[in-house]
Amino acid sequence: VALQASLDYESSIVGDYYTIPKRTLEKAIINPFLYSSRGKDEYMIAAVCPIKYGKNFYGITGVNMKLSTFQKMVREHTDELDNYDVRIVSGSGDYVASNADVSLLGQNLADIESNSAEQLNDMVKAQRNVALEDDYIVAQVPIRFNTLPVVWMVKTKVPLSAILGEDDILRFLMILLGSLVLAFLVNFAIYFYIKSKTETLDNLYLNALAFSQGEEPRYLVKSEDESRFINDIVVETYSFMKQAEQVFVQVQEGDYKADFMPRNPRDSFAKKLNLMLEILHQRQTDNREKQRIAQDERWIRNGIAVINKVVRRQYNQYTELTENLITQVVDYLNINQGGIFVLIESETGKFTLELTSSYAYSKLKAYKKRVYLGDGIVGTCALEREITYLTEIPNDYSQIRSGVGGALPKAVLVAPLIHENVVYGVIELATFTFFNETEIEFIRAIAEPIAAAIASVKIADKTRELLDAMQLQQSELKDQEANMRSSLEKLEEIQRKAKLTEDRLRRELESAKLEILRLKTSTIVFDSNE
């Protein structure tokens, strides 16, 4: 005993053992189904009962039974009846057991028997039925399961020789043959009577027969009575059906544009057929449009991936970046010419567009590397910040160069490269054909990543310039610091020498004062003595 999750217990067919008692709150016999146990597939039926309280459903309990059990039961009860063909059929028409052919187990009555619909109808009505088929007697007996609404059937096929003696069979066959001969003679007499009376009905019959077999009614009906009108209807209907057949052939080939001509204003068949063709044509158109849109979106995504692969690389200069980008864009679009202009700020603070990379530009075009904002197609595009698509190319526009010469393009596409609402440049593309909406959408999608890549490289360039300037400034500061330190040392030496000189002068001044004082003292003493 194990607790485990049931699989597909609420799905159709597989989960009938659960969904039927849950829906009906009644016991049920589940028709044969294929069940896998221990790696072996085997047909089974299930007898199930709902677990309920009042109208509340809580689960089911039941038991699975192998069809081989029923097969064994039938074999045991028919061992002594070699000529009997006994089969058990479930309510869904699936074979449950057969004493003669084991391969029938699990197969459906509709796949084996030509009159399966009649047999299933008798089984639903729970009617017994006995019929004579060739030299066999076929009996059908319903099987009921107490009060359940399920009805199964036991079908037995018995040869006449197993029931009747040889004399009885011969007598029975003679009676049957006589009846057939009598019926044939009566029908033969009636046929010749009708044919002798009117050939019109015969031809009408042949035309109707030909029509029923899909052949053209080619027999002539000369009568002017109702037979002629009936024949005209048959011929007209045949022509109508051939027209419908041609329409079906076109539909099979995927052509839904056929217009089916109605026979009259009340021809509902033609109206419904035309409506069906219109719906199919609209669905075909919608599907093709969806496929085209999906294909275009996939093409755009692949192109974006190609461009992203380029912009993710490390670049020291945006010229290297733009050269790789324009090559990839031109190759992916399979066009003839392209160029990328990067917005540059001059030392005076003015902005110009510089051609940093090009593909198949003429020398004149490549020579004009700088474009002012608002000047020409490129400058106007950068100023207006909108994609420009031209199919009327002026004669002074640059020619597309190739190995055999040059020629004006048929279409030019110019798109601004904008990132975070800042214009970083313009991409210009030209071709000998035309750009479609998908290609324009692709350019619109890659313009922002290209602008972001250019911005990133510019920031990296600016960062390197600031770093170099900072390093240069630090070097200059170090030199200035060394000069200042040397000047301070010289100043200190001068101050030291000045201090020494000051001290020497102070000492000399003191000595002079002492000498003057001594002289004064000597004079005073001399006067006193005197």
Protein backbone atom coordinates (compact mmCIF):
# COMPACT_ATOMS: atom_id res chain seq x y z
CA VAL A 1 0.00 0.00 0.00
CA ALA A 2 1.40 3.35 -0.97
CA LEU A 3 0.24 6.97 -0.98
CA GLN A 4 0.97 8.59 -4.31
CA ALA A 5 -0.44 11.22 -6.66
CA SER A 6 -2.78 10.10 -9.45
CA LEU A 7 -1.87 11.19 -12.96
CA ASP A 8 -4.40 12.62 -15.45
CA TYR A 9 -7.24 11.82 -13.03
CA GLU A 10 -9.32 14.73 -14.35
CA SER A 11 -8.57 14.27 -18.06
CA SER A 12 -10.95 12.81 -20.62
CA ILE A 13 -10.82 9.05 -21.34
CA VAL A 14 -7.86 8.38 -19.03
CA GLY A 15 -9.61 9.94 -16.04
CA ASP A 16 -13.11 8.51 -16.67
CA TYR A 17 -12.75 6.29 -13.59
CA TYR A 18 -12.71 9.52 -11.52
CA THR A 19 -14.63 12.12 -13.53
CA ILE A 20 -17.73 10.00 -14.30
CA PRO A 21 -18.64 9.08 -10.66
CA LYS A 22 -17.73 12.62 -9.61
CA ARG A 23 -20.13 14.08 -12.19
CA THR A 24 -22.99 11.60 -11.75
CA LEU A 25 -22.49 10.65 -8.05
CA GLU A 26 -23.44 7.15 -9.15
CA LYS A 27 -21.68 3.82 -9.60
CA ALA A 28 -20.17 3.29 -13.03
CA ILE A 29 -18.56 0.70 -15.27
CA ILE A 30 -15.65 2.33 -17.13
CA ASN A 31 -15.14 1.22 -20.71
CA PRO A 32 -11.88 -0.56 -21.67
CA PHE A 33 -8.76 1.53 -21.43
CA LEU A 34 -5.03 0.89 -21.81
CA TYR A 35 -3.22 0.78 -18.46
CA SER A 36 0.52 0.50 -17.87
CA SER A 37 1.58 -1.63 -14.93
CA ARG A 38 5.19 -2.65 -14.22
CA GLY A 39 6.22 -1.56 -17.68
CA LYS A 40 3.52 -3.63 -19.42
CA ASP A 41 0.52 -2.14 -21.23
CA GLU A 42 -2.72 -4.06 -20.70
CA TYR A 43 -6.39 -3.37 -21.44
CA MET A 44 -8.64 -3.12 -18.38
CA ILE A 45 -12.09 -2.05 -17.28
CA ALA A 46 -12.95 -0.42 -13.98
CA ALA A 47 -15.90 -0.77 -11.62
CA VAL A 48 -16.04 2.41 -9.51
CA CYS A 49 -18.25 3.86 -6.80
CA PRO A 50 -18.28 7.46 -5.54
CA ILE A 51 -17.44 8.23 -1.90
CA LYS A 52 -20.14 10.76 -1.03
CA TYR A 53 -22.22 12.17 1.76
CA GLY A 54 -25.48 13.60 0.49
CA LYS A 55 -24.48 15.56 -2.60
CA ASN A 56 -20.91 16.13 -1.46
CA PHE A 57 -18.27 14.19 -3.39
CA TYR A 58 -15.09 13.14 -1.56
CA GLY A 59 -13.47 10.62 -3.89
CA ILE A 60 -13.95 7.21 -5.50
CA THR A 61 -13.26 3.59 -4.69
CA GLY A 62 -13.10 0.89 -7.28
CA VAL A 63 -11.30 -2.03 -8.81
CA ASN A 64 -9.57 -2.54 -12.17
CA MET A 65 -10.18 -5.80 -14.03
CA LYS A 66 -8.04 -7.10 -16.85
CA LEU A 67 -9.75 -7.95 -20.11
CA SER A 68 -7.74 -11.15 -20.03
CA THR A 69 -10.01 -12.24 -17.14
CA PHE A 70 -13.06 -11.99 -19.37
CA GLN A 71 -11.13 -13.62 -22.18
CA LYS A 72 -10.36 -16.59 -19.93
CA MET A 73 -14.01 -16.78 -18.85
CA VAL A 74 -15.23 -16.89 -22.45
CA ARG A 75 -12.64 -19.50 -23.39
CA GLU A 76 -13.66 -21.76 -20.47
CA HIS A 77 -17.33 -21.62 -21.45
CA THR A 78 -16.77 -22.19 -25.19
CA ASP A 79 -14.05 -24.87 -25.19
CA GLU A 80 -16.49 -27.51 -26.38
CA LEU A 81 -18.07 -25.22 -28.99
CA ASP A 82 -15.42 -25.18 -31.67
CA ASN A 83 -17.60 -23.58 -34.32
CA TYR A 84 -18.99 -20.83 -32.08
CA ASP A 85 -17.65 -17.28 -32.34
CA VAL A 86 -18.48 -15.54 -29.06
CA ARG A 87 -17.61 -11.90 -28.42
CA ILE A 88 -18.33 -9.48 -25.58
CA VAL A 89 -18.67 -5.79 -26.50
CA SER A 90 -18.68 -2.88 -24.00
CA GLY A 91 -21.15 0.00 -24.05
CA SER A 92 -18.69 2.15 -26.03
CA GLY A 93 -18.36 -0.53 -28.71
CA ASP A 94 -14.95 -1.82 -27.55
CA TYR A 95 -14.30 -5.57 -27.64
CA VAL A 96 -13.89 -6.98 -24.12
CA ALA A 97 -13.40 -10.68 -24.97
CA SER A 98 -13.40 -13.06 -27.93
CA ASN A 99 -12.97 -16.81 -27.99
CA ALA A 100 -11.82 -16.79 -31.63
CA ASP A 101 -9.61 -13.72 -32.09
CA VAL A 102 -7.57 -12.34 -29.17
CA SER A 103 -6.34 -9.41 -31.31
CA LEU A 104 -9.81 -7.85 -31.09
CA LEU A 105 -9.35 -6.91 -27.43
CA GLY A 106 -9.47 -3.15 -27.00
CA GLN A 107 -10.50 -2.50 -30.62
CA ASN A 108 -13.77 -0.77 -31.46
CA LEU A 109 -16.77 -2.33 -33.13
CA ALA A 110 -16.88 0.51 -35.68
CA ASP A 111 -13.42 -0.46 -36.97
CA ILE A 112 -14.40 -4.11 -37.54
CA GLU A 113 -18.11 -4.39 -38.31
CA SER A 114 -19.79 -2.68 -41.26
CA ASN A 115 -23.15 -2.48 -39.45
CA SER A 116 -21.69 -1.27 -36.16
CA ALA A 117 -24.21 1.60 -35.88
CA GLU A 118 -27.17 -0.83 -35.96
CA GLN A 119 -25.54 -3.11 -33.41
CA LEU A 120 -24.79 -0.24 -31.04
CA ASN A 121 -28.36 1.02 -31.45
CA ASP A 122 -29.73 -2.42 -30.50
CA MET A 123 -27.34 -2.50 -27.55
CA VAL A 124 -28.48 0.93 -26.31
CA LYS A 125 -32.11 -0.20 -26.54
CA ALA A 126 -31.15 -3.46 -24.78
CA GLN A 127 -32.80 -5.44 -27.56
CA ARG A 128 -32.11 -9.02 -28.47
CA ASN A 129 -31.52 -9.57 -32.14
CA VAL A 130 -31.08 -12.66 -34.32
CA ALA A 131 -30.17 -12.50 -38.00
CA LEU A 132 -29.04 -14.83 -40.78
CA GLU A 133 -25.73 -13.91 -42.41
CA ASP A 134 -24.66 -16.30 -45.18
CA ASP A 135 -24.43 -19.73 -43.55
CA TYR A 136 -24.36 -18.34 -40.01
CA ILE A 137 -26.89 -17.35 -37.41
CA VAL A 138 -25.83 -14.19 -35.54
CA ALA A 139 -27.40 -13.47 -32.16
CA GLN A 140 -26.98 -10.38 -29.98
CA VAL A 141 -27.97 -10.45 -26.31
CA PRO A 142 -27.69 -7.37 -24.04
CA ILE A 143 -25.93 -7.49 -20.64
CA ARG A 144 -27.23 -5.30 -17.83
CA PHE A 145 -25.37 -4.42 -14.63
CA ASN A 146 -28.14 -4.36 -12.03
CA THR A 147 -29.52 -0.82 -11.87
CA LEU A 148 -26.68 0.82 -13.78
CA PRO A 149 -27.56 2.48 -17.11
CA VAL A 150 -24.65 0.65 -18.74
CA VAL A 151 -25.50 -1.99 -21.33
CA TRP A 152 -22.97 -4.41 -22.81
CA MET A 153 -23.59 -7.05 -25.46
CA VAL A 154 -22.73 -10.69 -26.09
CA LYS A 155 -22.54 -11.42 -29.81
CA THR A 156 -22.58 -15.08 -30.91
CA LYS A 157 -22.00 -16.27 -34.45
CA VAL A 158 -23.03 -19.91 -35.05
CA PRO A 159 -22.82 -21.85 -38.33
CA LEU A 160 -26.12 -23.37 -39.52
CA SER A 161 -24.49 -26.78 -39.68
CA ALA A 162 -24.01 -26.69 -35.91
CA ILE A 163 -27.77 -26.28 -35.36
CA LEU A 164 -29.49 -27.94 -38.31
CA GLY A 165 -28.90 -31.31 -39.92
CA GLU A 166 -27.70 -31.65 -43.49
CA ASP A 167 -31.24 -32.37 -44.77
CA ASP A 168 -32.62 -29.37 -42.95
CA ILE A 169 -29.91 -27.17 -44.36
CA LEU A 170 -30.55 -28.40 -47.89
CA ARG A 171 -34.27 -27.84 -47.52
CA PHE A 172 -33.69 -24.40 -46.05
CA LEU A 173 -31.32 -23.46 -48.84
CA MET A 174 -33.74 -24.73 -51.50
CA ILE A 175 -36.52 -22.62 -50.04
CA LEU A 176 -34.18 -19.64 -49.87
CA LEU A 177 -33.02 -20.22 -53.45
CA GLY A 178 -36.58 -20.54 -54.66
CA SER A 179 -37.50 -17.30 -52.96
CA LEU A 180 -34.55 -15.56 -54.56
CA VAL A 181 -35.40 -16.98 -57.99
CA LEU A 182 -39.00 -15.93 -57.61
CA ALA A 183 -38.00 -12.46 -56.53
CA PHE A 184 -35.58 -12.22 -59.45
CA LEU A 185 -38.25 -13.33 -61.95
CA VAL A 186 -40.74 -10.84 -60.58
CA ASN A 187 -38.21 -8.02 -60.71
CA PHE A 188 -37.09 -9.12 -64.18
CA ALA A 189 -40.67 -9.07 -65.45
CA ILE A 190 -41.31 -5.67 -63.91
CA TYR A 191 -38.07 -4.33 -65.36
CA PHE A 192 -38.93 -5.44 -68.89
CA TYR A 193 -42.46 -4.19 -68.45
CA ILE A 194 -41.18 -0.75 -67.51
CA LYS A 195 -38.59 -0.82 -70.27
CA SER A 196 -41.15 -1.86 -72.82
CA LYS A 197 -43.44 0.94 -71.75
CA THR A 198 -40.88 3.73 -71.72
CA GLU A 199 -37.21 4.00 -72.58
CA THR A 200 -37.22 7.44 -71.05
CA LEU A 201 -37.34 6.12 -67.49
CA ASP A 202 -34.52 3.71 -68.33
CA ASN A 203 -32.29 6.50 -69.55
CA LEU A 204 -33.31 8.61 -66.60
CA TYR A 205 -32.34 5.74 -64.33
CA LEU A 206 -28.99 5.37 -66.08
CA ASN A 207 -28.35 9.08 -65.80
CA ALA A 208 -29.28 9.01 -62.12
CA LEU A 209 -27.06 5.96 -61.61
CA ALA A 210 -24.17 7.64 -63.43
CA PHE A 211 -24.72 10.75 -61.33
CA SER A 212 -24.72 8.72 -58.10
CA GLN A 213 -21.37 7.16 -59.13
CA GLY A 214 -19.85 10.52 -59.98
CA GLU A 215 -20.04 10.01 -63.75
CA GLU A 216 -21.50 12.37 -66.33
CA PRO A 217 -25.18 11.70 -67.25
CA ARG A 218 -24.85 11.13 -71.01
CA TYR A 219 -28.09 9.31 -71.92
CA LEU A 220 -30.66 11.28 -73.92
CA VAL A 221 -34.16 11.68 -72.48
CA LYS A 222 -36.59 12.60 -75.29
CA SER A 223 -39.76 12.67 -73.28
CA GLU A 224 -41.46 15.98 -72.65
CA ASP A 225 -43.12 14.94 -69.41
CA GLU A 226 -41.89 15.15 -65.82
CA SER A 227 -39.07 12.71 -66.66
CA ARG A 228 -37.46 15.35 -68.85
CA PHE A 229 -37.59 17.87 -66.04
CA ILE A 230 -36.15 15.32 -63.60
CA ASN A 231 -33.35 14.51 -66.06
CA ASP A 232 -32.60 18.22 -66.50
CA ILE A 233 -32.33 18.53 -62.74
CA VAL A 234 -29.94 15.54 -62.65
CA VAL A 235 -27.76 17.02 -65.42
CA GLU A 236 -27.81 20.47 -63.84
CA THR A 237 -26.99 19.01 -60.43
CA TYR A 238 -24.12 17.01 -61.95
CA SER A 239 -22.73 20.18 -63.54
CA PHE A 240 -23.18 21.94 -60.22
CA MET A 241 -21.36 19.17 -58.37
CA LYS A 242 -18.50 19.18 -60.92
CA GLN A 243 -18.16 22.89 -60.30
CA ALA A 244 -18.14 22.20 -56.56
CA GLU A 245 -15.57 19.42 -57.12
CA GLN A 246 -13.30 21.86 -58.93
CA VAL A 247 -13.68 24.26 -56.03
CA PHE A 248 -12.75 21.49 -53.59
CA VAL A 249 -9.66 20.69 -55.69
CA GLN A 250 -8.62 24.33 -55.49
CA VAL A 251 -9.26 24.33 -51.74
CA GLN A 252 -7.14 21.18 -51.39
CA GLU A 253 -4.33 22.98 -53.22
CA GLY A 254 -4.68 25.93 -50.85
CA ASP A 255 -6.51 28.26 -53.26
CA TYR A 256 -9.51 29.78 -51.51
CA LYS A 257 -10.27 32.50 -54.07
CA ALA A 258 -12.76 30.46 -56.09
CA ASP A 259 -16.19 32.02 -56.57
CA PHE A 260 -18.91 29.37 -56.57
CA MET A 261 -21.80 30.41 -58.82
CA PRO A 262 -25.20 29.71 -57.18
CA ARG A 263 -27.87 27.94 -59.21
CA ASN A 264 -30.55 30.37 -58.11
CA PRO A 265 -31.07 33.14 -55.51
CA ARG A 266 -32.25 30.53 -52.98
CA ASP A 267 -29.19 28.28 -53.37
CA SER A 268 -28.12 28.10 -49.71
CA PHE A 269 -25.44 25.50 -50.47
CA ALA A 270 -23.58 27.85 -52.82
CA LYS A 271 -23.95 30.72 -50.37
CA LYS A 272 -22.58 28.66 -47.48
CA LEU A 273 -19.77 27.31 -49.66
CA ASN A 274 -18.80 30.83 -50.73
CA LEU A 275 -18.95 31.94 -47.09
CA MET A 276 -16.71 29.00 -46.14
CA LEU A 277 -14.26 29.92 -48.93
CA GLU A 278 -14.26 33.52 -47.76
CA ILE A 279 -13.57 32.46 -44.17
CA LEU A 280 -10.82 30.06 -45.27
CA HIS A 281 -9.28 32.73 -47.47
CA GLN A 282 -9.35 35.22 -44.60
CA ARG A 283 -7.80 32.67 -42.23
CA GLN A 284 -5.14 31.85 -44.81
CA THR A 285 -4.42 35.55 -45.22
CA ASP A 286 -4.29 36.03 -41.44
CA ASN A 287 -2.01 33.00 -41.00
CA ARG A 288 0.32 34.19 -43.73
CA GLU A 289 0.37 37.65 -42.17
CA LYS A 290 1.12 36.12 -38.75
CA GLN A 291 3.88 34.00 -40.27
CA ARG A 292 5.29 37.03 -42.05
CA ILE A 293 5.18 39.09 -38.86
CA ALA A 294 6.79 36.25 -36.88
CA GLN A 295 9.47 35.85 -39.56
CA ASP A 296 10.11 39.62 -39.60
CA GLU A 297 10.32 39.73 -35.80
CA ARG A 298 12.72 36.78 -35.80
CA TRP A 299 14.84 38.52 -38.47
CA ILE A 300 14.89 41.72 -36.41
CA ARG A 301 15.83 39.82 -33.22
CA ASN A 302 18.67 38.04 -35.02
CA GLY A 303 19.93 41.36 -36.39
CA ILE A 304 19.78 42.98 -32.95
CA ALA A 305 21.77 40.03 -31.58
CA VAL A 306 24.43 40.58 -34.29
CA ILE A 307 24.68 44.29 -33.43
CA ASN A 308 24.75 43.61 -29.67
CA LYS A 309 27.61 41.17 -30.22
CA VAL A 310 29.56 43.99 -31.90
CA VAL A 311 28.82 46.69 -29.32
CA ARG A 312 29.69 44.42 -26.37
CA ARG A 313 33.33 44.35 -27.41
CA GLN A 314 35.91 46.66 -25.86
CA TYR A 315 36.94 49.65 -28.00
CA ASN A 316 39.51 52.35 -27.36
CA GLN A 317 38.11 54.68 -30.04
CA TYR A 318 34.63 55.09 -31.48
CA THR A 319 36.07 55.02 -35.02
CA GLU A 320 36.89 51.34 -34.57
CA LEU A 321 33.41 50.75 -33.13
CA THR A 322 31.58 52.50 -35.98
CA GLU A 323 33.64 50.72 -38.65
CA ASN A 324 32.61 47.31 -37.29
CA LEU A 325 29.00 48.46 -36.88
CA ILE A 326 28.51 49.85 -40.40
CA THR A 327 30.04 46.71 -41.93
CA GLN A 328 27.67 44.45 -39.98
CA VAL A 329 24.61 46.62 -40.72
CA VAL A 330 25.30 46.81 -44.47
CA ASP A 331 25.98 43.06 -44.69
CA TYR A 332 22.87 42.12 -42.68
CA LEU A 333 20.59 44.38 -44.74
CA ASN A 334 22.36 43.25 -47.95
CA ILE A 335 22.48 46.81 -49.19
CA ASN A 336 25.11 48.78 -51.09
CA GLN A 337 26.29 51.76 -49.06
CA GLY A 338 26.39 53.08 -45.51
CA GLY A 339 28.08 55.46 -43.14
CA ILE A 340 28.00 56.57 -39.50
CA PHE A 341 28.40 60.22 -38.48
CA VAL A 342 29.31 60.95 -34.83
CA LEU A 343 28.37 64.25 -33.17
CA ILE A 344 31.58 66.09 -32.14
CA GLU A 345 31.88 69.23 -30.02
CA SER A 346 34.66 71.56 -31.16
CA GLU A 347 36.87 73.68 -28.90
CA THR A 348 34.68 76.66 -29.69
CA GLY A 349 31.60 74.83 -28.40
CA LYS A 350 30.04 74.19 -31.82
CA PHE A 351 28.69 70.76 -32.76
CA THR A 352 29.40 69.04 -36.07
CA LEU A 353 28.79 65.54 -37.43
CA GLU A 354 32.00 63.71 -38.30
CA LEU A 355 32.03 60.74 -40.72
CA THR A 356 33.88 58.13 -38.66
CA SER A 357 33.20 55.07 -40.85
CA SER A 358 31.79 54.36 -44.30
CA TYR A 359 31.04 51.53 -46.70
CA ALA A 360 31.25 51.96 -50.51
CA TYR A 361 31.24 55.79 -50.28
CA SER A 362 32.68 57.72 -53.18
CA LYS A 363 35.86 59.72 -52.64
CA LEU A 364 33.88 62.97 -52.73
CA LYS A 365 31.49 61.76 -50.06
CA ALA A 366 34.29 60.40 -47.91
CA TYR A 367 36.19 63.68 -48.29
CA LYS A 368 33.31 65.63 -46.75
CA LYS A 369 33.89 64.25 -43.30
CA ARG A 370 32.19 67.06 -41.38
CA VAL A 371 28.53 68.06 -41.64
CA TYR A 372 26.96 70.92 -39.73
CA LEU A 373 23.66 70.51 -37.90
CA GLY A 374 20.79 71.30 -40.26
CA ASP A 375 23.00 70.91 -43.33
CA GLY A 376 21.83 68.33 -45.90
CA ILE A 377 20.00 65.07 -45.19
CA VAL A 378 22.35 64.01 -42.38
CA GLY A 379 22.41 67.36 -40.60
CA THR A 380 18.63 67.78 -40.87
CA CYS A 381 18.07 64.28 -39.48
CA ALA A 382 20.23 65.01 -36.42
CA LEU A 383 18.42 68.30 -35.85
CA GLU A 384 14.87 66.93 -36.31
CA ARG A 385 15.67 63.65 -34.48
CA GLU A 386 13.44 61.64 -36.86
CA ILE A 387 14.11 58.84 -39.37
CA THR A 388 14.20 60.10 -42.96
CA TYR A 389 13.41 57.79 -45.89
CA LEU A 390 13.95 59.10 -49.43
CA THR A 391 13.06 57.40 -52.71
CA GLU A 392 13.53 60.47 -54.90
CA ILE A 393 17.28 60.97 -54.78
CA PRO A 394 18.75 64.30 -55.92
CA ASN A 395 21.35 64.17 -58.70
CA ASP A 396 24.04 65.70 -56.52
CA TYR A 397 23.81 62.85 -54.02
CA SER A 398 26.87 60.64 -53.69
CA GLN A 399 26.98 57.69 -56.07
CA ILE A 400 27.38 54.11 -54.85
CA ARG A 401 30.75 52.84 -55.95
CA SER A 402 31.34 49.30 -57.24
CA GLY A 403 33.91 47.43 -59.31
CA VAL A 404 32.23 48.49 -62.55
CA GLY A 405 31.61 52.15 -61.72
CA GLY A 406 29.07 54.18 -59.79
CA ALA A 407 25.35 54.97 -59.83
CA LEU A 408 22.78 56.85 -57.79
CA PRO A 409 20.89 54.76 -55.20
CA LYS A 410 17.14 54.24 -55.46
CA ALA A 411 16.50 54.75 -51.76
CA VAL A 412 18.27 56.45 -48.84
CA LEU A 413 17.52 55.87 -45.17
CA VAL A 414 18.91 58.22 -42.50
CA ALA A 415 18.29 57.59 -38.80
CA PRO A 416 19.40 59.55 -35.70
CA LEU A 417 21.40 57.71 -33.03
CA ILE A 418 19.72 58.78 -29.78
CA HIS A 419 20.42 57.50 -26.27
CA GLU A 420 18.66 58.89 -23.19
CA ASN A 421 17.24 61.74 -25.31
CA VAL A 422 20.74 62.80 -26.46
CA VAL A 423 21.79 62.67 -30.13
CA TYR A 424 25.18 60.96 -30.53
CA GLY A 425 25.23 60.67 -34.32
CA VAL A 426 23.46 59.66 -37.52
CA ILE A 427 23.54 56.46 -39.61
CA GLU A 428 23.07 56.84 -43.36
CA LEU A 429 22.20 53.86 -45.61
CA ALA A 430 21.62 53.65 -49.36
CA THR A 431 20.58 50.85 -51.73
CA PHE A 432 19.85 50.13 -55.38
CA THR A 433 16.48 48.63 -54.33
CA PHE A 434 14.12 49.89 -51.59
CA PHE A 435 13.82 49.55 -47.82
CA ASN A 436 10.75 47.72 -46.52
CA GLU A 437 8.95 48.35 -43.23
CA THR A 438 10.77 45.50 -41.49
CA GLU A 439 14.20 46.87 -42.44
CA ILE A 440 13.20 50.35 -41.29
CA GLU A 441 11.95 48.88 -38.00
CA PHE A 442 15.27 47.05 -37.64
CA ILE A 443 17.20 50.32 -38.05
CA ARG A 444 14.89 51.96 -35.52
CA ALA A 445 15.58 49.09 -33.07
CA ILE A 446 19.40 49.17 -33.37
CA ALA A 447 19.76 52.97 -33.37
CA GLU A 448 19.54 53.23 -29.57
CA PRO A 449 22.09 50.43 -28.81
CA ILE A 450 24.53 51.98 -31.32
CA ALA A 451 24.08 55.40 -29.72
CA ALA A 452 24.62 53.88 -26.26
CA ALA A 453 27.82 52.18 -27.47
CA ILE A 454 29.12 55.46 -28.96
CA ALA A 455 28.24 57.24 -25.71
CA SER A 456 30.08 54.59 -23.73
CA VAL A 457 33.21 54.88 -25.88
CA LYS A 458 33.01 58.69 -25.68
CA ILE A 459 32.75 58.53 -21.91
CA ALA A 460 35.70 56.15 -21.83
CA ASP A 461 37.68 58.57 -24.06
CA LYS A 462 36.74 61.52 -21.84
CA THR A 463 37.65 59.52 -18.75
CA ARG A 464 41.05 58.68 -20.24
CA GLU A 465 41.61 62.35 -21.15
CA LEU A 466 40.69 63.48 -17.64
CA LEU A 467 42.91 60.78 -16.18
CA ASP A 468 45.82 61.84 -18.40
CA ALA A 469 45.22 65.49 -17.49
CA MET A 470 45.06 64.59 -13.82
CA GLN A 471 48.28 62.62 -14.07
CA LEU A 472 49.94 65.53 -15.91
CA GLN A 473 48.65 67.94 -13.29
CA GLN A 474 49.94 65.71 -10.52
CA SER A 475 53.33 65.59 -12.25
CA GLU A 476 53.37 69.39 -12.54
CA LEU A 477 52.35 69.73 -8.90
CA LYS A 478 55.19 67.43 -7.92
CA ASP A 479 57.63 69.56 -9.94
CA GLN A 480 56.24 72.74 -8.36
CA GLU A 481 56.51 71.14 -4.92
CA ALA A 482 60.15 70.24 -5.60
CA ASN A 483 60.88 73.81 -6.78
CA MET A 484 59.13 75.26 -3.75
CA ARG A 485 61.08 72.92 -1.47
CA SER A 486 64.34 74.00 -3.14
CA SER A 487 63.35 77.68 -2.81
CA LEU A 488 62.50 77.17 0.85
CA GLU A 489 65.87 75.54 1.43
CA LYS A 490 67.62 78.50 -0.28
CA LEU A 491 65.53 80.94 1.74
CA GLU A 492 66.42 79.12 4.94
CA GLU A 493 70.12 79.27 3.99
CA ILE A 494 69.85 83.03 3.34
CA GLN A 495 68.02 83.48 6.63
CA ARG A 496 70.73 81.45 8.40
CA LYS A 497 73.51 83.57 6.81
CA ALA A 498 71.59 86.75 7.60
CA LYS A 499 71.23 85.62 11.18
CA LEU A 500 74.95 84.92 11.38
CA THR A 501 75.70 88.34 9.91
CA GLU A 502 73.24 89.91 12.31
CA ASP A 503 74.85 88.13 15.25
CA ARG A 504 78.36 89.20 14.09
CA LEU A 505 77.19 92.79 13.65
CA ARG A 506 75.49 92.70 17.03
CA ARG A 507 78.72 91.49 18.60
CA GLU A 508 80.73 94.13 16.80
CA LEU A 509 78.20 96.75 17.90
CA GLU A 510 78.49 95.60 21.50
CA SER A 511 82.26 95.70 21.28
CA ALA A 512 82.09 99.22 19.88
CA LYS A 513 79.78 100.30 22.65
CA LEU A 514 82.11 98.82 25.25
CA GLU A 515 85.06 100.54 23.63
CA ILE A 516 83.26 103.90 23.65
CA LEU A 517 82.25 103.37 27.24
CA ARG A 518 85.82 102.49 28.14
CA LEU A 519 87.09 105.60 26.43
CA LYS A 520 84.58 107.76 28.25
CA THR A 521 85.56 106.22 31.54
CA SER A 522 89.23 106.79 30.88
CA THR A 523 88.59 110.49 30.18
CA ILE A 524 86.68 111.05 33.36
CA VAL A 525 89.34 109.48 35.48
CA PHE A 526 91.99 111.60 33.86
CA ASP A 527 90.14 114.77 34.60
CA SER A 528 89.81 113.97 38.29
CA ASN A 529 93.43 113.33 38.72
CA GLU A 530 94.17 116.51 37.09
